[in-house]
């Protein structure tokens, strides 16, 4: 019987093993949970690298989504996924030295497995706990620093509100008198339609895939890890909406949408405040998801948020892909 169980475990593919791990280890962050990766992948393939020690025990995991275009196979950061978590599995009562040795072994194993994927390019964001830049740099990877904005200790609501800028406090107080909020009063599909409509008013198009977004939103709500907040005026007009999510430690300001017709109503500020209040008894931190855009960053900072760094790790093997990525970035400037 023991032999049968052993063979069964090793007969499972990495995704099934990872699914079991996520069910057992709820400290794996939301964006690295099996169901989240499976939802954001959509029709694309995804898999997970599993690092093991010499005894065959799992010591670390790294999920990734695979894209393919023409002759290029690549791993790029998916939309609706701020950053992955390299999750390490430490034996109980491990010392700091033992943890560091395990991390070194795991990272080296992960780097070896990435090479076997025969990619044109690898590009992923890792969360703020990632401190293994040197190992990646030694293998020819480039490291870029990115910024998110967070509010900590959101359970202390009076203190949180006091840290808002005077203008945001005033907007919220005025909006509370004129606007109302509702929770999950529209469906994920209706949210996506509004998202497209509001963007069209600014002559823009959505970068979100409808099927992926709707599936992800529905799952998060069913799992009690996400909500849609709508801010309405007295005539029933939706001024703004937010789809936000959370795990055991952090809530994420994932997909906000604003009706430009009501840009001065204060709905955007009220939406943020309502989300913070609703999750203040569930998590410690509110993450605005960051932005390298100065205007958006300034909006986040007016809520008393602080900048926090995370990293992007990138390596390109294909010369043609280097040129393509270079042109794409140049066009965005």
Protein backbone atom coordinates (compact mmCIF):
# COMPACT_ATOMS: atom_id res chain seq x y z
CA UNK A 1 0.00 0.00 0.00
CA UNK A 2 2.83 2.42 0.86
CA UNK A 3 4.50 1.72 -2.48
CA UNK A 4 1.22 2.37 -4.29
CA UNK A 5 0.78 5.76 -2.62
CA UNK A 6 4.39 6.69 -3.45
CA UNK A 7 3.93 5.81 -7.12
CA UNK A 8 0.60 7.67 -7.26
CA UNK A 9 2.16 10.89 -5.93
CA UNK A 10 4.91 10.83 -8.53
CA UNK A 11 2.46 9.91 -11.29
CA UNK A 12 0.57 13.19 -10.76
CA UNK A 13 1.60 16.06 -12.99
CA UNK A 14 3.00 19.23 -11.49
CA UNK A 15 -0.28 21.13 -11.76
CA UNK A 16 -2.18 18.53 -9.75
CA UNK A 17 0.57 18.44 -7.14
CA UNK A 18 0.45 22.24 -6.99
CA UNK A 19 -3.32 22.24 -6.62
CA UNK A 20 -2.98 19.95 -3.61
CA UNK A 21 -0.26 22.18 -2.15
CA UNK A 22 -2.44 25.29 -2.50
CA UNK A 23 -5.28 23.54 -0.69
CA UNK A 24 -2.92 22.59 2.14
CA UNK A 25 -0.94 25.86 2.35
CA UNK A 26 -3.34 28.78 2.47
CA UNK A 27 -0.39 31.14 3.04
CA UNK A 28 0.40 30.89 -0.68
CA UNK A 29 -0.54 34.36 -1.92
CA UNK A 30 -3.73 34.99 -3.89
CA UNK A 31 -1.96 35.68 -7.19
CA UNK A 32 -0.08 32.39 -6.95
CA UNK A 33 -3.07 30.25 -5.95
CA UNK A 34 -3.95 27.42 -8.33
CA UNK A 35 -7.45 28.71 -9.10
CA UNK A 36 -6.20 32.24 -9.82
CA UNK A 37 -3.47 31.11 -12.22
CA UNK A 38 -5.90 28.73 -13.92
CA UNK A 39 -8.43 31.55 -14.39
CA UNK A 40 -6.05 34.23 -15.71
CA UNK A 41 -4.39 31.76 -18.10
CA UNK A 42 -7.64 31.44 -20.05
CA UNK A 43 -6.98 29.45 -23.21
CA UNK A 44 -3.23 29.61 -22.70
CA UNK A 45 -1.24 26.81 -21.15
CA UNK A 46 0.25 27.14 -17.74
CA UNK A 47 2.40 25.00 -15.51
CA UNK A 48 4.45 25.14 -12.35
CA UNK A 49 8.09 24.50 -11.60
CA UNK A 50 8.52 22.37 -8.51
CA UNK A 51 11.91 22.32 -6.83
CA UNK A 52 12.84 19.29 -4.74
CA UNK A 53 15.74 18.48 -2.45
CA UNK A 54 17.97 15.42 -2.74
CA UNK A 55 15.41 13.35 -0.80
CA UNK A 56 12.62 14.26 -3.25
CA UNK A 57 10.78 16.57 -0.87
CA UNK A 58 9.21 19.70 -2.33
CA UNK A 59 11.09 22.82 -1.25
CA UNK A 60 9.71 25.53 -3.57
CA UNK A 61 7.18 26.25 -6.33
CA UNK A 62 6.92 28.77 -9.16
CA UNK A 63 3.83 28.85 -11.44
CA UNK A 64 4.03 30.42 -14.90
CA UNK A 65 1.78 31.05 -17.90
CA UNK A 66 3.05 30.05 -21.35
CA UNK A 67 2.41 32.08 -24.48
CA UNK A 68 3.17 31.16 -28.08
CA UNK A 69 3.26 33.39 -31.15
CA UNK A 70 4.70 32.24 -34.44
CA UNK A 71 8.04 30.61 -33.59
CA UNK A 72 8.28 32.26 -30.19
CA UNK A 73 7.48 30.53 -26.90
CA UNK A 74 7.49 32.88 -23.97
CA UNK A 75 6.59 33.47 -20.34
CA UNK A 76 5.36 37.02 -19.75
CA UNK A 77 3.51 38.63 -16.85
CA UNK A 78 -0.24 38.09 -17.41
CA UNK A 79 -2.84 40.83 -17.01
CA UNK A 80 -4.67 40.77 -13.65
CA UNK A 81 -1.66 39.29 -11.91
CA UNK A 82 0.53 41.89 -10.21
CA UNK A 83 3.28 39.51 -9.14
CA UNK A 84 3.96 35.88 -8.37
CA UNK A 85 5.21 34.45 -5.13
CA UNK A 86 8.18 32.12 -5.07
CA UNK A 87 6.88 29.96 -2.25
CA UNK A 88 9.37 28.04 -0.12
CA UNK A 89 8.44 25.09 2.05
CA UNK A 90 10.61 25.12 5.16
CA UNK A 91 10.74 22.19 7.59
CA UNK A 92 9.40 23.03 11.02
CA UNK A 93 11.83 24.71 13.41
CA UNK A 94 14.28 25.57 10.63
CA UNK A 95 17.03 27.99 11.62
CA UNK A 96 17.77 31.10 9.55
CA UNK A 97 20.85 29.36 8.16
CA UNK A 98 18.87 26.28 7.18
CA UNK A 99 16.23 28.43 5.47
CA UNK A 100 18.88 30.27 3.49
CA UNK A 101 20.47 27.00 2.36
CA UNK A 102 17.08 25.68 1.27
CA UNK A 103 16.35 28.89 -0.67
CA UNK A 104 19.71 28.72 -2.44
CA UNK A 105 19.14 25.09 -3.43
CA UNK A 106 15.57 25.83 -4.55
CA UNK A 107 16.49 28.88 -6.66
CA UNK A 108 19.31 27.03 -8.41
CA UNK A 109 16.92 24.18 -9.18
CA UNK A 110 14.28 26.58 -10.50
CA UNK A 111 16.83 28.33 -12.73
CA UNK A 112 17.92 24.98 -14.16
CA UNK A 113 14.31 24.06 -14.92
CA UNK A 114 13.61 27.41 -16.62
CA UNK A 115 16.46 26.67 -19.04
CA UNK A 116 14.82 23.38 -20.05
CA UNK A 117 11.68 25.23 -21.19
CA UNK A 118 13.53 26.49 -24.32
CA UNK A 119 11.91 29.93 -24.12
CA UNK A 120 12.38 32.96 -26.33
CA UNK A 121 11.83 35.24 -23.35
CA UNK A 122 11.06 34.93 -19.64
CA UNK A 123 9.58 37.89 -17.79
CA UNK A 124 7.85 37.72 -14.42
CA UNK A 125 7.20 40.00 -11.47
CA UNK A 126 7.94 38.67 -8.00
CA UNK A 127 6.51 40.05 -4.78
CA UNK A 128 8.31 42.25 -2.27
CA UNK A 129 9.55 39.20 -0.32
CA UNK A 130 11.74 38.19 -3.27
CA UNK A 131 15.41 38.63 -2.30
CA UNK A 132 17.15 36.32 -4.75
CA UNK A 133 18.22 38.84 -7.38
CA UNK A 134 21.89 37.82 -7.27
CA UNK A 135 21.14 34.23 -8.30
CA UNK A 136 19.15 35.44 -11.32
CA UNK A 137 21.71 38.10 -12.23
CA UNK A 138 24.47 35.47 -12.25
CA UNK A 139 22.51 33.59 -14.93
CA UNK A 140 22.13 36.59 -17.22
CA UNK A 141 18.73 37.87 -16.08
CA UNK A 142 17.91 41.57 -15.90
CA UNK A 143 16.29 42.95 -12.76
CA UNK A 144 13.98 45.95 -12.79
CA UNK A 145 12.43 47.58 -9.76
CA UNK A 146 8.71 48.31 -9.87
CA UNK A 147 6.54 50.18 -7.40
CA UNK A 148 3.23 49.51 -5.74
CA UNK A 149 1.48 51.66 -3.14
CA UNK A 150 0.12 50.20 0.08
CA UNK A 151 -1.70 51.20 3.24
CA UNK A 152 -0.76 49.13 6.27
CA UNK A 153 -2.72 48.43 9.46
CA UNK A 154 -6.08 49.23 7.86
CA UNK A 155 -7.95 47.87 10.88
CA UNK A 156 -7.22 51.24 12.54
CA UNK A 157 -9.77 53.05 10.36
CA UNK A 158 -9.68 56.43 12.12
CA UNK A 159 -5.93 56.60 11.71
CA UNK A 160 -6.16 55.47 8.09
CA UNK A 161 -8.69 58.20 7.25
CA UNK A 162 -6.59 60.81 9.06
CA UNK A 163 -3.70 60.00 6.71
CA UNK A 164 -5.79 60.83 3.63
CA UNK A 165 -5.08 64.20 2.05
CA UNK A 166 -7.42 67.03 3.04
CA UNK A 167 -8.88 67.06 -0.48
CA UNK A 168 -9.68 63.32 -0.37
CA UNK A 169 -11.28 63.61 3.06
CA UNK A 170 -13.47 66.45 1.79
CA UNK A 171 -14.41 64.54 -1.38
CA UNK A 172 -15.43 61.49 0.65
CA UNK A 173 -17.54 63.46 3.12
CA UNK A 174 -19.35 65.27 0.32
CA UNK A 175 -19.81 62.07 -1.69
CA UNK A 176 -21.27 60.25 1.32
CA UNK A 177 -24.08 62.83 1.39
CA UNK A 178 -24.96 62.52 -2.29
CA UNK A 179 -23.95 59.02 -3.40
CA UNK A 180 -24.65 55.46 -2.28
CA UNK A 181 -22.72 52.24 -2.60
CA UNK A 182 -23.89 48.71 -3.36
CA UNK A 183 -22.12 45.36 -3.20
CA UNK A 184 -22.31 42.78 -6.01
CA UNK A 185 -25.37 44.54 -7.41
CA UNK A 186 -24.13 43.95 -10.96
CA UNK A 187 -22.73 40.79 -12.52
CA UNK A 188 -19.16 40.28 -13.67
CA UNK A 189 -20.37 40.47 -17.26
CA UNK A 190 -22.18 43.75 -16.61
CA UNK A 191 -19.06 45.12 -14.93
CA UNK A 192 -17.01 44.27 -18.03
CA UNK A 193 -19.58 45.99 -20.28
CA UNK A 194 -19.38 49.15 -18.16
CA UNK A 195 -15.60 48.95 -18.22
CA UNK A 196 -15.66 48.99 -22.04
CA UNK A 197 -18.31 51.75 -22.15
CA UNK A 198 -16.39 54.04 -19.79
CA UNK A 199 -13.17 53.53 -21.74
CA UNK A 200 -14.94 54.24 -25.03
CA UNK A 201 -15.95 57.66 -23.65
CA UNK A 202 -12.21 58.38 -23.46
CA UNK A 203 -11.55 56.86 -26.89
CA UNK A 204 -9.79 53.86 -25.38
CA UNK A 205 -10.26 50.10 -25.60
CA UNK A 206 -10.03 47.45 -22.91
CA UNK A 207 -6.94 45.28 -22.65
CA UNK A 208 -8.87 42.73 -20.59
CA UNK A 209 -10.14 39.51 -22.10
CA UNK A 210 -13.88 39.26 -21.37
CA UNK A 211 -13.93 35.51 -20.76
CA UNK A 212 -10.88 35.62 -18.48
CA UNK A 213 -12.13 38.59 -16.46
CA UNK A 214 -15.67 37.30 -16.02
CA UNK A 215 -14.46 33.85 -14.96
CA UNK A 216 -11.95 35.31 -12.51
CA UNK A 217 -14.46 37.75 -11.02
CA UNK A 218 -17.14 35.09 -10.60
CA UNK A 219 -14.75 32.69 -8.90
CA UNK A 220 -13.42 35.33 -6.51
CA UNK A 221 -16.95 36.29 -5.42
CA UNK A 222 -18.03 32.66 -4.95
CA UNK A 223 -14.90 32.00 -2.90
CA UNK A 224 -15.57 35.07 -0.76
CA UNK A 225 -12.28 36.57 -1.86
CA UNK A 226 -13.63 39.39 -3.98
CA UNK A 227 -16.45 41.90 -4.39
CA UNK A 228 -17.79 44.45 -6.85
CA UNK A 229 -18.50 47.85 -5.32
CA UNK A 230 -20.72 50.26 -7.29
CA UNK A 231 -21.10 53.94 -6.46
CA UNK A 232 -24.45 55.37 -7.63
CA UNK A 233 -26.09 58.78 -7.56
CA UNK A 234 -29.70 59.48 -6.55
CA UNK A 235 -30.89 58.86 -10.12
CA UNK A 236 -29.29 55.42 -10.24
CA UNK A 237 -26.39 56.40 -12.49
CA UNK A 238 -23.23 54.39 -11.83
CA UNK A 239 -20.41 56.86 -11.24
CA UNK A 240 -17.68 54.31 -10.54
CA UNK A 241 -17.15 50.62 -9.84
CA UNK A 242 -14.40 48.51 -8.36
CA UNK A 243 -13.59 44.82 -8.48
CA UNK A 244 -11.23 44.17 -5.59
CA UNK A 245 -9.93 40.95 -4.06
CA UNK A 246 -8.13 39.72 -0.96
CA UNK A 247 -6.26 36.84 0.61
CA UNK A 248 -5.32 36.25 4.25
CA UNK A 249 -3.09 39.33 4.57
CA UNK A 250 -3.81 41.82 1.80
CA UNK A 251 -6.63 43.35 -0.25
CA UNK A 252 -5.88 44.39 -3.84
CA UNK A 253 -7.39 47.35 -5.72
CA UNK A 254 -7.57 45.22 -8.84
CA UNK A 255 -9.90 46.74 -11.46
CA UNK A 256 -11.35 50.20 -10.84
CA UNK A 257 -13.55 51.81 -13.51
CA UNK A 258 -14.76 55.40 -13.63
CA UNK A 259 -17.51 57.07 -15.62
CA UNK A 260 -15.87 60.25 -16.97
CA UNK A 261 -19.28 61.96 -17.05
CA UNK A 262 -19.20 62.06 -13.23
CA UNK A 263 -15.49 62.66 -12.71
CA UNK A 264 -16.11 65.43 -10.14
CA UNK A 265 -18.65 63.56 -8.01
CA UNK A 266 -16.09 62.15 -5.57
CA UNK A 267 -17.11 58.59 -6.46
CA UNK A 268 -13.53 57.43 -7.00
CA UNK A 269 -12.48 58.51 -3.50
CA UNK A 270 -15.61 57.09 -1.87
CA UNK A 271 -15.06 53.78 -3.67
CA UNK A 272 -11.57 53.44 -2.19
CA UNK A 273 -12.77 54.30 1.32
CA UNK A 274 -15.69 51.85 1.17
CA UNK A 275 -13.38 49.03 0.02
CA UNK A 276 -10.92 49.73 2.85
CA UNK A 277 -13.70 49.76 5.43
CA UNK A 278 -15.19 46.50 4.17
CA UNK A 279 -11.92 44.54 4.35
CA UNK A 280 -10.51 46.18 7.47
CA UNK A 281 -11.64 43.20 9.56
CA UNK A 282 -10.22 40.66 7.11
CA UNK A 283 -6.70 41.83 6.24
CA UNK A 284 -3.94 44.12 7.47
CA UNK A 285 -2.86 45.71 4.19
CA UNK A 286 -4.53 47.47 1.25
CA UNK A 287 -2.51 47.31 -1.97
CA UNK A 288 -3.33 49.77 -4.76
CA UNK A 289 -1.55 47.49 -7.25
CA UNK A 290 0.97 50.19 -8.09
CA UNK A 291 1.72 52.15 -11.19
CA UNK A 292 4.73 53.66 -12.89
CA UNK A 293 2.40 56.43 -14.15
CA UNK A 294 3.02 59.63 -12.20
CA UNK A 295 -0.61 60.78 -12.25
CA UNK A 296 -1.97 57.46 -11.01
CA UNK A 297 0.76 57.21 -8.38
CA UNK A 298 -0.17 60.68 -7.12
CA UNK A 299 -3.82 59.57 -6.79
CA UNK A 300 -2.78 56.59 -4.66
CA UNK A 301 -0.47 58.64 -2.47
CA UNK A 302 -3.31 61.02 -1.55
CA UNK A 303 -4.78 58.13 0.43
CA UNK A 304 -1.71 58.03 2.65
CA UNK A 305 -0.24 55.03 0.87
CA UNK A 306 3.49 54.33 0.90
CA UNK A 307 5.62 53.15 -1.99
CA UNK A 308 6.83 49.57 -1.82
CA UNK A 309 9.20 47.91 -4.25
CA UNK A 310 8.89 44.61 -6.03
CA UNK A 311 10.98 43.28 -8.89
CA UNK A 312 10.64 42.21 -12.49
CA UNK A 313 12.97 39.46 -13.66
CA UNK A 314 13.62 39.20 -17.40
CA UNK A 315 15.83 37.25 -19.76
CA UNK A 316 15.63 37.06 -23.55
CA UNK A 317 17.25 34.24 -25.48
CA UNK A 318 15.91 35.15 -28.94
CA UNK A 319 17.56 38.05 -30.79
CA UNK A 320 14.39 38.56 -32.84
CA UNK A 321 12.33 38.76 -29.63
CA UNK A 322 14.76 41.33 -28.19
CA UNK A 323 14.12 43.55 -31.20
CA UNK A 324 10.34 43.02 -31.01
CA UNK A 325 10.22 43.82 -27.30
CA UNK A 326 12.45 46.85 -27.83
CA UNK A 327 10.15 48.23 -30.51
CA UNK A 328 7.08 47.60 -28.38
CA UNK A 329 8.58 49.48 -25.44
CA UNK A 330 9.74 52.30 -27.68
CA UNK A 331 6.22 52.76 -29.03
CA UNK A 332 4.85 52.99 -25.49
CA UNK A 333 7.12 55.87 -24.56
